[in-house]
C-alpha atoms as a PDB file:
ATOM      1  CA  UNK A   1      56.878  95.935 170.076  1.00  0.00           C
ATOM      2  CA  UNK A   2      55.946  92.409 171.093  1.00  0.00           C
ATOM      3  CA  UNK A   3      52.539  93.600 172.420  1.00  0.00           C
ATOM      4  CA  UNK A   4      51.170  95.135 169.213  1.00  0.00           C
ATOM      5  CA  UNK A   5      47.744  94.322 167.822  1.00  0.00           C
ATOM      6  CA  UNK A   6      46.287  94.245 164.325  1.00  0.00           C
ATOM      7  CA  UNK A   7      45.442  97.674 162.891  1.00  0.00           C
ATOM      8  CA  UNK A   8      47.679  99.530 165.324  1.00  0.00           C
ATOM      9  CA  UNK A   9      49.740 102.460 164.027  1.00  0.00           C
ATOM     10  CA  UNK A  10      53.003 103.243 165.790  1.00  0.00           C
ATOM     11  CA  UNK A  11      56.335 105.015 165.448  1.00  0.00           C
ATOM     12  CA  UNK A  12      59.722 103.424 166.039  1.00  0.00           C
ATOM     13  CA  UNK A  13      61.139 105.135 169.145  1.00  0.00           C
ATOM     14  CA  UNK A  14      64.449 103.281 169.255  1.00  0.00           C
ATOM     15  CA  UNK A  15      66.227 100.087 168.326  1.00  0.00           C
ATOM     16  CA  UNK A  16      68.497  98.407 170.846  1.00  0.00           C
ATOM     17  CA  UNK A  17      71.997  98.935 169.427  1.00  0.00           C
ATOM     18  CA  UNK A  18      73.252  95.844 171.292  1.00  0.00           C
ATOM     19  CA  UNK A  19      70.788  93.601 169.435  1.00  0.00           C
ATOM     20  CA  UNK A  20      72.425  91.237 166.954  1.00  0.00           C
ATOM     21  CA  UNK A  21      69.801  92.297 164.371  1.00  0.00           C
ATOM     22  CA  UNK A  22      70.341  96.048 164.888  1.00  0.00           C
ATOM     23  CA  UNK A  23      72.121  96.651 161.588  1.00  0.00           C
ATOM     24  CA  UNK A  24      69.607  94.515 159.677  1.00  0.00           C
ATOM     25  CA  UNK A  25      66.725  96.516 161.193  1.00  0.00           C
ATOM     26  CA  UNK A  26      68.310  99.746 159.961  1.00  0.00           C
ATOM     27  CA  UNK A  27      68.796  98.276 156.481  1.00  0.00           C
ATOM     28  CA  UNK A  28      65.091  97.325 156.418  1.00  0.00           C
ATOM     29  CA  UNK A  29      64.040 100.880 157.330  1.00  0.00           C
ATOM     30  CA  UNK A  30      63.250 100.361 161.018  1.00  0.00           C
ATOM     31  CA  UNK A  31      64.881 103.572 162.163  1.00  0.00           C
ATOM     32  CA  UNK A  32      63.739 105.971 164.910  1.00  0.00           C
ATOM     33  CA  UNK A  33      60.815 108.105 163.748  1.00  0.00           C
ATOM     34  CA  UNK A  34      59.543 105.642 161.141  1.00  0.00           C
ATOM     35  CA  UNK A  35      55.759 105.138 161.161  1.00  0.00           C
ATOM     36  CA  UNK A  36      54.313 101.692 160.556  1.00  0.00           C
ATOM     37  CA  UNK A  37      50.959  99.890 160.646  1.00  0.00           C
ATOM     38  CA  UNK A  38      50.428  96.398 162.032  1.00  0.00           C
ATOM     39  CA  UNK A  39      48.743  94.356 159.312  1.00  0.00           C
ATOM     40  CA  UNK A  40      48.557  90.920 160.925  1.00  0.00           C
ATOM     41  CA  UNK A  41      49.462  89.202 164.152  1.00  0.00           C
ATOM     42  CA  UNK A  42      49.488  85.403 164.062  1.00  0.00           C
ATOM     43  CA  UNK A  43      47.041  83.618 166.391  1.00  0.00           C
ATOM     44  CA  UNK A  44      49.743  82.851 168.960  1.00  0.00           C
ATOM     45  CA  UNK A  45      51.304  86.310 168.516  1.00  0.00           C
ATOM     46  CA  UNK A  46      54.248  85.230 166.376  1.00  0.00           C
ATOM     47  CA  UNK A  47      55.068  86.413 163.723  1.00  0.00           C
ATOM     48  CA  UNK A  48      53.948  90.034 163.285  1.00  0.00           C
ATOM     49  CA  UNK A  49      53.422  91.551 159.811  1.00  0.00           C
ATOM     50  CA  UNK A  50      53.875  95.323 159.500  1.00  0.00           C
ATOM     51  CA  UNK A  51      53.788  97.841 156.655  1.00  0.00           C
ATOM     52  CA  UNK A  52      56.344 100.630 156.525  1.00  0.00           C
ATOM     53  CA  UNK A  53      57.906 102.796 153.829  1.00  0.00           C
ATOM     54  CA  UNK A  54      55.718 101.173 151.157  1.00  0.00           C
ATOM     55  CA  UNK A  55      56.576  97.530 151.843  1.00  0.00           C
ATOM     56  CA  UNK A  56      55.574  94.705 154.160  1.00  0.00           C
ATOM     57  CA  UNK A  57      57.867  93.170 156.730  1.00  0.00           C
ATOM     58  CA  UNK A  58      57.392  90.109 158.931  1.00  0.00           C
ATOM     59  CA  UNK A  59      59.138  89.991 162.299  1.00  0.00           C
ATOM     60  CA  UNK A  60      59.350  87.260 164.890  1.00  0.00           C
ATOM     61  CA  UNK A  61      58.562  88.230 168.481  1.00  0.00           C
ATOM     62  CA  UNK A  62      62.164  87.499 169.428  1.00  0.00           C
ATOM     63  CA  UNK A  63      63.323  90.132 166.934  1.00  0.00           C
ATOM     64  CA  UNK A  64      60.570  92.605 167.765  1.00  0.00           C
ATOM     65  CA  UNK A  65      61.541  92.753 171.447  1.00  0.00           C
ATOM     66  CA  UNK A  66      64.575  94.873 170.517  1.00  0.00           C
ATOM     67  CA  UNK A  67      62.382  97.591 168.969  1.00  0.00           C
ATOM     68  CA  UNK A  68      60.784 100.238 171.224  1.00  0.00           C
ATOM     69  CA  UNK A  69      57.676 101.896 169.819  1.00  0.00           C
ATOM     70  CA  UNK A  70      55.321 104.810 170.494  1.00  0.00           C
ATOM     71  CA  UNK A  71      51.689 103.931 169.702  1.00  0.00           C
ATOM     72  CA  UNK A  72      49.965 106.522 167.518  1.00  0.00           C
ATOM     73  CA  UNK A  73      46.331 107.245 166.839  1.00  0.00           C
ATOM     74  CA  UNK A  74      45.204 105.604 163.616  1.00  0.00           C
ATOM     75  CA  UNK A  75      44.271 108.109 160.889  1.00  0.00           C
ATOM     76  CA  UNK A  76      40.511 108.337 160.400  1.00  0.00           C
ATOM     77  CA  UNK A  77      39.141 107.710 156.926  1.00  0.00           C
END
């Protein structure tokens, strides 16, 4: 997830169970199958702001590296 870009839509494929933040990710809604949109990526790539399940979440790159994603095609408006 550390290589996302602004406007990208993706699905959570998996979360590394060995990650110290694994339980916290689940509590925040980052579970396999969850769709999210990347709202902002800081100029140096850290942190990353995403929107999922109706709320916004900011992750540091160090946290995001434990989350595997599947990029999706953005819905056309």
